[in-house]
């Protein structure tokens, strides 16, 4: 399956190239001319363009972890999915590239992420866990 990914401005724009190399369609907020948009404005472009958003700004888009409230994706009746890259460590360029590569491998097992969130969490020791859940929750 080919995903249509949009890389948020909080992440390296070069992740779009990594996605293309993995066979996905991808662009970044910067290249779309959407730098500096408020998240509530960005979600309008995400939904209208049928993008799966890739972000490190997880809380604003999914809502607080472990709750059923908040988050801009939770307010959308239908969306193409949300991918969140998370780490307990600073999100350096090599870390972003490594977590994104891990996520791209995980994506190969999905036909779509419609109304789903896929989150990768890197712990202090470098191990990663992936969580996939419905958003909004069913």
Protein backbone atom coordinates (compact mmCIF):
# COMPACT_ATOMS: atom_id res chain seq x y z
CA UNK A 1 0.00 0.00 0.00
CA UNK A 2 1.19 3.49 -0.79
CA UNK A 3 0.51 6.16 1.81
CA UNK A 4 0.22 9.89 1.19
CA UNK A 5 2.33 11.30 4.02
CA UNK A 6 2.68 14.89 5.16
CA UNK A 7 5.72 15.64 7.35
CA UNK A 8 4.94 18.26 10.01
CA UNK A 9 7.23 21.28 10.46
CA UNK A 10 8.50 19.93 13.80
CA UNK A 11 10.32 17.16 11.90
CA UNK A 12 13.10 17.05 9.32
CA UNK A 13 11.72 17.87 5.83
CA UNK A 14 14.12 15.25 4.43
CA UNK A 15 11.91 12.53 5.92
CA UNK A 16 9.76 13.03 2.82
CA UNK A 17 12.66 11.71 0.69
CA UNK A 18 12.96 8.72 3.00
CA UNK A 19 9.25 8.04 2.48
CA UNK A 20 9.52 8.35 -1.33
CA UNK A 21 12.45 5.91 -1.24
CA UNK A 22 10.17 3.47 0.61
CA UNK A 23 7.52 3.79 -2.11
CA UNK A 24 5.17 6.33 -0.54
CA UNK A 25 3.97 9.70 -1.74
CA UNK A 26 5.25 12.35 0.66
CA UNK A 27 5.73 16.06 1.13
CA UNK A 28 6.40 18.35 4.04
CA UNK A 29 4.60 21.32 5.51
CA UNK A 30 7.48 23.59 4.44
CA UNK A 31 7.26 22.58 0.77
CA UNK A 32 3.48 23.07 0.76
CA UNK A 33 3.90 26.66 2.00
CA UNK A 34 2.17 25.88 5.29
CA UNK A 35 4.99 26.80 7.70
CA UNK A 36 3.72 28.71 10.70
CA UNK A 37 0.08 27.68 10.35
CA UNK A 38 -1.72 27.07 13.61
CA UNK A 39 -2.41 23.37 14.16
CA UNK A 40 -6.15 23.97 13.78
CA UNK A 41 -5.45 25.47 10.32
CA UNK A 42 -3.08 22.66 9.37
CA UNK A 43 -5.63 19.95 10.20
CA UNK A 44 -7.95 21.48 7.60
CA UNK A 45 -5.27 20.95 4.91
CA UNK A 46 -4.49 17.47 6.23
CA UNK A 47 -8.10 16.33 6.02
CA UNK A 48 -8.87 18.10 2.71
CA UNK A 49 -5.73 16.66 1.10
CA UNK A 50 -6.32 13.15 2.49
CA UNK A 51 -2.86 13.14 4.11
CA UNK A 52 -1.57 10.88 6.84
CA UNK A 53 0.17 13.38 9.12
CA UNK A 54 3.59 12.49 10.54
CA UNK A 55 4.44 14.56 13.62
CA UNK A 56 6.34 14.76 16.88
CA UNK A 57 3.66 17.14 18.14
CA UNK A 58 1.60 14.18 19.31
CA UNK A 59 -0.47 15.74 22.08
CA UNK A 60 -1.95 18.48 19.89
CA UNK A 61 -3.11 16.03 17.24
CA UNK A 62 -4.03 12.89 19.21
CA UNK A 63 -4.86 14.53 22.55
CA UNK A 64 -3.27 13.70 25.90
CA UNK A 65 -1.99 10.11 26.01
CA UNK A 66 -4.37 7.68 27.67
CA UNK A 67 -7.44 9.90 27.40
CA UNK A 68 -10.36 9.97 25.04
CA UNK A 69 -10.45 13.74 24.84
CA UNK A 70 -8.75 16.57 22.98
CA UNK A 71 -6.58 16.42 19.92
CA UNK A 72 -7.33 17.74 16.48
CA UNK A 73 -7.56 14.30 14.85
CA UNK A 74 -10.09 13.18 17.47
CA UNK A 75 -12.39 15.96 16.29
CA UNK A 76 -12.41 14.72 12.69
CA UNK A 77 -15.15 12.24 11.73
CA UNK A 78 -12.83 10.72 9.12
CA UNK A 79 -9.13 11.19 8.39
CA UNK A 80 -6.31 9.32 6.64
CA UNK A 81 -4.40 8.64 9.85
CA UNK A 82 -1.88 10.06 12.25
CA UNK A 83 1.70 8.91 12.79
CA UNK A 84 3.54 10.13 15.90
CA UNK A 85 7.28 9.82 16.51
CA UNK A 86 8.04 9.96 20.23
CA UNK A 87 11.21 9.63 22.31
CA UNK A 88 12.28 10.33 25.86
CA UNK A 89 15.42 11.83 24.34
CA UNK A 90 15.80 14.99 22.21
CA UNK A 91 14.50 14.45 18.68
CA UNK A 92 17.85 14.73 16.87
CA UNK A 93 18.08 14.30 13.10
CA UNK A 94 19.54 10.77 13.34
CA UNK A 95 16.83 9.82 15.87
CA UNK A 96 14.08 11.15 13.59
CA UNK A 97 15.49 9.21 10.64
CA UNK A 98 15.81 5.99 12.67
CA UNK A 99 12.31 6.20 14.17
CA UNK A 100 10.83 7.10 10.80
CA UNK A 101 12.57 4.13 9.14
CA UNK A 102 11.16 1.87 11.85
CA UNK A 103 7.71 3.34 11.27
CA UNK A 104 7.98 2.86 7.49
CA UNK A 105 8.72 -0.82 8.06
CA UNK A 106 5.64 -1.04 10.29
CA UNK A 107 3.48 0.70 7.67
CA UNK A 108 4.17 -2.13 5.22
CA UNK A 109 1.75 -4.27 7.22
CA UNK A 110 -1.22 -1.90 6.77
CA UNK A 111 -3.57 -1.24 3.87
CA UNK A 112 -4.55 2.12 5.34
CA UNK A 113 -4.64 4.09 8.58
CA UNK A 114 -8.12 5.54 8.15
CA UNK A 115 -9.20 6.86 11.56
CA UNK A 116 -6.15 5.30 13.21
CA UNK A 117 -3.06 6.55 14.97
CA UNK A 118 0.27 4.76 14.79
CA UNK A 119 2.72 5.84 17.49
CA UNK A 120 6.29 4.80 17.99
CA UNK A 121 7.84 5.33 21.42
CA UNK A 122 11.58 5.19 22.03
CA UNK A 123 12.56 4.52 25.65
CA UNK A 124 15.72 5.76 27.40
CA UNK A 125 17.49 2.51 26.55
CA UNK A 126 16.73 2.91 22.82
CA UNK A 127 14.08 0.18 22.56
CA UNK A 128 10.99 1.06 20.56
CA UNK A 129 7.37 0.07 20.98
CA UNK A 130 4.55 0.71 18.54
CA UNK A 131 0.93 1.34 19.42
CA UNK A 132 -1.91 1.45 16.91
CA UNK A 133 -5.36 2.59 17.98
CA UNK A 134 -8.54 4.13 16.64
CA UNK A 135 -8.82 7.88 16.66
CA UNK A 136 -11.44 9.00 17.33
CA UNK A 137 -11.95 6.02 19.62
CA UNK A 138 -14.82 3.79 18.51
